[in-house]
């Protein structure tokens, strides 16, 4: 069973760099892999349509380029989707909308191996990641499951208020702050755009508390210059951009320039 690159980078205290994937296309994964600059793909399953077959194909393609995989899950049906994503070969799970310690305990249980009382709920499954049954239920199988990086979205007012309690749950490795949802939970939709500095303070607070508790913050940023303030705190893990926004930015910039050039001439 293959090594988890993201887990290895965390254990070695090295930085990691991810990118968000919204279209369930192995072709996009492949072209990202060809850059050699990305450590893991985060598939945004919370937002876009996909099939169980597409999860297999995304995971297969990352293996060609020695990248790791993360999947961001919708709030509903998290246990089933986490189970099937891991079965497809996704190595790391990002749970959305965690608000309490009890919810965090459930998230951890969906990923950890079931070895008896109070360990986890993931049993032996003859799926792709276990060579369709050839490696199911082995010691290596258990190690693979327990090496999964478990990440939680901290994106609601309640989650920030309960942050230390949530992060006290054993098995949590990483947190991701969600500014848009946080703004909405304050009853101030769009606040992240009208008052970005206020939201940034909360993002930095979440990162600082996580680091104090031995958990890695993983900011989602739109450009490299947004990393500086997090780096000052000691943050080493970043996810930047996504496929659709990157396409929009390229078209918006270059086609505007082209239109001006041609229409002038």
Protein backbone atom coordinates (compact mmCIF):
# COMPACT_ATOMS: atom_id res chain seq x y z
CA UNK A 1 0.00 0.00 0.00
CA UNK A 2 1.43 3.35 -1.02
CA UNK A 3 2.88 5.96 1.33
CA UNK A 4 0.89 9.07 2.19
CA UNK A 5 3.00 12.03 1.04
CA UNK A 6 1.07 14.58 3.08
CA UNK A 7 1.45 12.52 6.26
CA UNK A 8 5.18 12.15 5.58
CA UNK A 9 5.65 15.89 5.09
CA UNK A 10 3.84 16.64 8.35
CA UNK A 11 5.90 14.06 10.26
CA UNK A 12 9.13 15.42 8.80
CA UNK A 13 8.09 19.00 9.69
CA UNK A 14 8.32 20.03 6.04
CA UNK A 15 5.94 22.33 4.14
CA UNK A 16 3.19 21.00 1.88
CA UNK A 17 1.44 22.57 -1.09
CA UNK A 18 -2.00 21.57 -2.35
CA UNK A 19 -4.44 22.76 -4.99
CA UNK A 20 -8.22 22.50 -5.11
CA UNK A 21 -9.82 20.40 -7.83
CA UNK A 22 -13.50 21.05 -8.59
CA UNK A 23 -13.95 19.14 -11.86
CA UNK A 24 -13.76 15.35 -11.45
CA UNK A 25 -11.33 14.96 -14.35
CA UNK A 26 -8.17 12.84 -14.22
CA UNK A 27 -6.92 14.94 -17.15
CA UNK A 28 -6.76 18.04 -14.96
CA UNK A 29 -5.05 16.04 -12.22
CA UNK A 30 -2.51 14.83 -14.77
CA UNK A 31 -1.62 18.28 -16.08
CA UNK A 32 -1.21 19.50 -12.49
CA UNK A 33 1.01 16.50 -11.77
CA UNK A 34 3.24 17.31 -14.74
CA UNK A 35 4.33 20.58 -13.06
CA UNK A 36 6.01 18.63 -10.26
CA UNK A 37 5.13 21.50 -7.89
CA UNK A 38 2.05 20.17 -6.09
CA UNK A 39 2.13 17.69 -3.20
CA UNK A 40 -1.57 16.84 -3.09
CA UNK A 41 -4.88 17.37 -4.83
CA UNK A 42 -7.88 18.41 -2.72
CA UNK A 43 -11.08 17.36 -4.51
CA UNK A 44 -13.97 19.65 -3.60
CA UNK A 45 -16.67 16.98 -3.40
CA UNK A 46 -18.76 19.32 -1.26
CA UNK A 47 -19.48 21.51 -4.26
CA UNK A 48 -19.46 19.51 -7.47
CA UNK A 49 -21.05 16.37 -8.96
CA UNK A 50 -18.96 13.20 -9.10
CA UNK A 51 -19.28 9.43 -9.16
CA UNK A 52 -17.55 6.65 -7.26
CA UNK A 53 -15.76 5.79 -10.51
CA UNK A 54 -14.39 9.33 -10.77
CA UNK A 55 -12.94 9.04 -7.25
CA UNK A 56 -11.05 5.91 -8.37
CA UNK A 57 -9.71 7.70 -11.45
CA UNK A 58 -8.62 10.84 -9.58
CA UNK A 59 -6.73 8.71 -7.06
CA UNK A 60 -5.14 6.57 -9.80
CA UNK A 61 -3.84 9.66 -11.58
CA UNK A 62 -2.26 11.18 -8.48
CA UNK A 63 -0.34 7.93 -8.02
CA UNK A 64 1.29 8.41 -11.44
CA UNK A 65 2.83 11.67 -10.22
CA UNK A 66 3.56 10.72 -6.61
CA UNK A 67 0.98 13.16 -5.26
CA UNK A 68 -1.28 12.57 -2.29
CA UNK A 69 -5.04 13.10 -2.23
CA UNK A 70 -7.54 14.86 0.00
CA UNK A 71 -11.31 15.05 -0.37
CA UNK A 72 -13.52 17.78 1.11
CA UNK A 73 -16.80 16.21 2.16
CA UNK A 74 -20.27 17.64 2.31
CA UNK A 75 -21.80 17.79 5.79
CA UNK A 76 -24.42 15.18 4.88
CA UNK A 77 -23.50 11.51 4.62
CA UNK A 78 -19.90 12.06 5.69
CA UNK A 79 -19.36 8.56 7.03
CA UNK A 80 -20.31 6.81 3.79
CA UNK A 81 -18.42 9.24 1.55
CA UNK A 82 -15.25 9.18 3.67
CA UNK A 83 -15.35 5.39 3.64
CA UNK A 84 -15.77 5.13 -0.12
CA UNK A 85 -13.21 7.86 -0.87
CA UNK A 86 -10.58 6.07 1.20
CA UNK A 87 -11.58 2.87 -0.57
CA UNK A 88 -10.90 4.56 -3.91
CA UNK A 89 -7.42 5.61 -2.83
CA UNK A 90 -7.95 9.04 -1.27
CA UNK A 91 -5.56 9.26 1.64
CA UNK A 92 -6.71 12.33 3.56
CA UNK A 93 -10.16 13.58 4.55
CA UNK A 94 -11.37 17.16 5.12
CA UNK A 95 -14.67 17.30 7.02
CA UNK A 96 -16.79 20.40 6.50
CA UNK A 97 -18.86 22.31 9.04
CA UNK A 98 -17.61 20.77 12.30
CA UNK A 99 -19.11 22.76 15.18
CA UNK A 100 -18.56 20.70 18.32
CA UNK A 101 -16.35 18.16 20.08
CA UNK A 102 -18.94 15.42 19.55
CA UNK A 103 -18.98 16.06 15.79
CA UNK A 104 -15.16 15.99 15.72
CA UNK A 105 -15.17 12.61 17.50
CA UNK A 106 -17.51 11.24 14.81
CA UNK A 107 -15.27 12.55 12.02
CA UNK A 108 -12.22 10.80 13.48
CA UNK A 109 -14.18 7.55 13.91
CA UNK A 110 -15.12 7.49 10.21
CA UNK A 111 -11.44 7.24 9.24
CA UNK A 112 -9.67 5.28 11.95
CA UNK A 113 -9.50 1.48 11.86
CA UNK A 114 -11.99 -0.51 13.92
CA UNK A 115 -9.75 -2.38 16.36
CA UNK A 116 -12.26 -2.69 19.16
CA UNK A 117 -13.82 -0.30 21.65
CA UNK A 118 -13.25 3.43 21.10
CA UNK A 119 -10.78 3.06 18.22
CA UNK A 120 -12.66 3.74 14.97
CA UNK A 121 -15.41 2.51 12.69
CA UNK A 122 -13.50 1.61 9.49
CA UNK A 123 -13.51 -2.15 9.03
CA UNK A 124 -12.05 -4.46 6.41
CA UNK A 125 -13.15 -3.47 2.89
CA UNK A 126 -12.16 -5.18 -0.38
CA UNK A 127 -11.77 -1.95 -2.31
CA UNK A 128 -9.22 -0.47 -4.66
CA UNK A 129 -6.89 0.92 -1.98
CA UNK A 130 -6.54 -2.59 -0.52
CA UNK A 131 -5.83 -4.20 -3.90
CA UNK A 132 -9.49 -5.26 -4.15
CA UNK A 133 -9.13 -7.56 -1.18
CA UNK A 134 -5.56 -8.83 -1.46
CA UNK A 135 -4.46 -6.55 1.40
CA UNK A 136 -7.71 -6.14 3.35
CA UNK A 137 -7.56 -6.44 7.12
CA UNK A 138 -3.77 -6.71 7.34
CA UNK A 139 -1.44 -4.79 9.66
CA UNK A 140 -0.41 -2.69 6.67
CA UNK A 141 -4.09 -1.98 5.98
CA UNK A 142 -4.60 -0.70 9.53
CA UNK A 143 -1.43 1.40 9.33
CA UNK A 144 -2.64 2.93 6.04
CA UNK A 145 -5.97 3.95 7.58
CA UNK A 146 -4.39 5.39 10.69
CA UNK A 147 -1.90 7.36 8.57
CA UNK A 148 -4.75 9.27 6.91
CA UNK A 149 -4.59 12.98 7.66
CA UNK A 150 -7.85 14.05 9.28
CA UNK A 151 -8.65 17.71 8.71
CA UNK A 152 -11.59 19.76 9.96
CA UNK A 153 -13.13 22.89 8.51
CA UNK A 154 -13.48 25.58 11.16
CA UNK A 155 -15.99 27.75 9.37
CA UNK A 156 -18.86 28.67 11.67
CA UNK A 157 -19.12 31.02 14.65
CA UNK A 158 -19.79 28.05 16.96
CA UNK A 159 -16.68 26.25 15.73
CA UNK A 160 -14.44 29.23 16.52
CA UNK A 161 -16.04 29.57 19.94
CA UNK A 162 -15.54 25.84 20.62
CA UNK A 163 -12.14 25.67 18.93
CA UNK A 164 -9.99 24.39 21.81
CA UNK A 165 -12.56 21.78 22.79
CA UNK A 166 -12.84 20.56 19.19
CA UNK A 167 -9.07 20.37 18.75
CA UNK A 168 -8.67 18.40 21.98
CA UNK A 169 -10.08 15.33 20.21
CA UNK A 170 -7.28 12.77 19.56
CA UNK A 171 -6.68 12.01 15.89
CA UNK A 172 -7.18 15.48 14.42
CA UNK A 173 -4.16 16.50 12.35
CA UNK A 174 -5.13 19.68 10.51
CA UNK A 175 -7.61 22.57 10.49
CA UNK A 176 -8.80 24.79 7.66
CA UNK A 177 -10.55 28.11 8.32
CA UNK A 178 -13.47 28.98 6.02
CA UNK A 179 -13.98 32.73 5.82
CA UNK A 180 -17.09 32.82 3.66
CA UNK A 181 -19.09 30.45 5.84
CA UNK A 182 -17.81 32.18 8.96
CA UNK A 183 -19.05 35.53 7.64
CA UNK A 184 -22.46 34.06 6.92
CA UNK A 185 -22.68 32.45 10.36
CA UNK A 186 -22.21 35.92 11.85
CA UNK A 187 -25.27 37.04 9.92
CA UNK A 188 -23.01 39.17 7.72
CA UNK A 189 -22.85 37.57 4.26
CA UNK A 190 -20.05 39.05 2.18
CA UNK A 191 -18.24 40.30 5.30
CA UNK A 192 -15.05 38.60 4.11
CA UNK A 193 -15.04 41.02 1.15
CA UNK A 194 -16.20 44.18 2.90
CA UNK A 195 -14.10 43.66 6.05
CA UNK A 196 -11.28 41.30 5.05
CA UNK A 197 -8.95 42.39 7.86
CA UNK A 198 -11.50 41.44 10.52
CA UNK A 199 -11.91 37.97 9.02
CA UNK A 200 -8.15 37.60 8.64
CA UNK A 201 -7.75 38.22 12.37
CA UNK A 202 -10.05 35.26 13.04
CA UNK A 203 -8.13 33.11 10.53
CA UNK A 204 -4.85 33.97 12.26
CA UNK A 205 -6.42 33.26 15.66
CA UNK A 206 -7.51 29.79 14.50
CA UNK A 207 -4.02 29.10 13.14
CA UNK A 208 -2.34 30.27 16.35
CA UNK A 209 -4.55 28.16 18.63
CA UNK A 210 -4.09 25.10 16.41
CA UNK A 211 -0.31 25.41 16.50
CA UNK A 212 -0.36 25.79 20.28
CA UNK A 213 -2.32 22.53 20.47
CA UNK A 214 0.05 20.66 18.13
CA UNK A 215 -2.29 20.66 15.13
CA UNK A 216 -1.34 21.96 11.70
CA UNK A 217 -3.30 24.89 10.25
CA UNK A 218 -3.73 24.79 6.47
CA UNK A 219 -4.82 28.15 5.08
CA UNK A 220 -6.52 28.26 1.69
CA UNK A 221 -5.04 31.21 -0.16
CA UNK A 222 -5.51 32.85 -3.54
CA UNK A 223 -1.96 34.05 -4.16
CA UNK A 224 1.54 33.57 -2.67
CA UNK A 225 1.58 36.98 -0.97
CA UNK A 226 -1.28 35.88 1.29
CA UNK A 227 1.02 33.34 2.96
CA UNK A 228 3.31 35.83 4.72
CA UNK A 229 1.28 36.54 7.89
CA UNK A 230 0.61 32.84 8.41
CA UNK A 231 4.28 32.02 7.92
CA UNK A 232 5.16 34.47 10.70
CA UNK A 233 3.14 32.25 13.05
CA UNK A 234 4.99 29.14 11.88
CA UNK A 235 2.42 27.82 9.38
CA UNK A 236 3.96 25.53 6.76
CA UNK A 237 1.00 24.01 4.91
CA UNK A 238 -0.94 25.85 2.21
CA UNK A 239 -3.56 25.15 -0.43
CA UNK A 240 -3.73 27.70 -3.26
CA UNK A 241 -6.29 28.21 -6.00
CA UNK A 242 -8.48 25.84 -7.97
CA UNK A 243 -8.98 24.72 -11.53
CA UNK A 244 -12.10 26.75 -12.40
CA UNK A 245 -11.02 29.99 -10.74
CA UNK A 246 -7.60 29.64 -12.37
CA UNK A 247 -9.26 29.27 -15.77
CA UNK A 248 -11.48 32.29 -15.10
CA UNK A 249 -8.49 34.40 -14.04
CA UNK A 250 -6.51 33.45 -17.14
CA UNK A 251 -9.39 34.24 -19.50
CA UNK A 252 -10.27 37.46 -17.69
CA UNK A 253 -6.70 38.75 -17.85
CA UNK A 254 -5.53 37.65 -21.28
CA UNK A 255 -8.74 38.08 -23.24
CA UNK A 256 -9.24 41.59 -21.90
CA UNK A 257 -5.71 42.41 -23.04
CA UNK A 258 -6.30 40.78 -26.44
CA UNK A 259 -9.61 42.58 -27.00
CA UNK A 260 -8.07 45.96 -26.20
CA UNK A 261 -5.15 45.30 -28.51
CA UNK A 262 -7.27 44.16 -31.47
CA UNK A 263 -10.06 46.71 -31.04
CA UNK A 264 -7.50 49.55 -30.98
CA UNK A 265 -5.78 48.35 -34.09
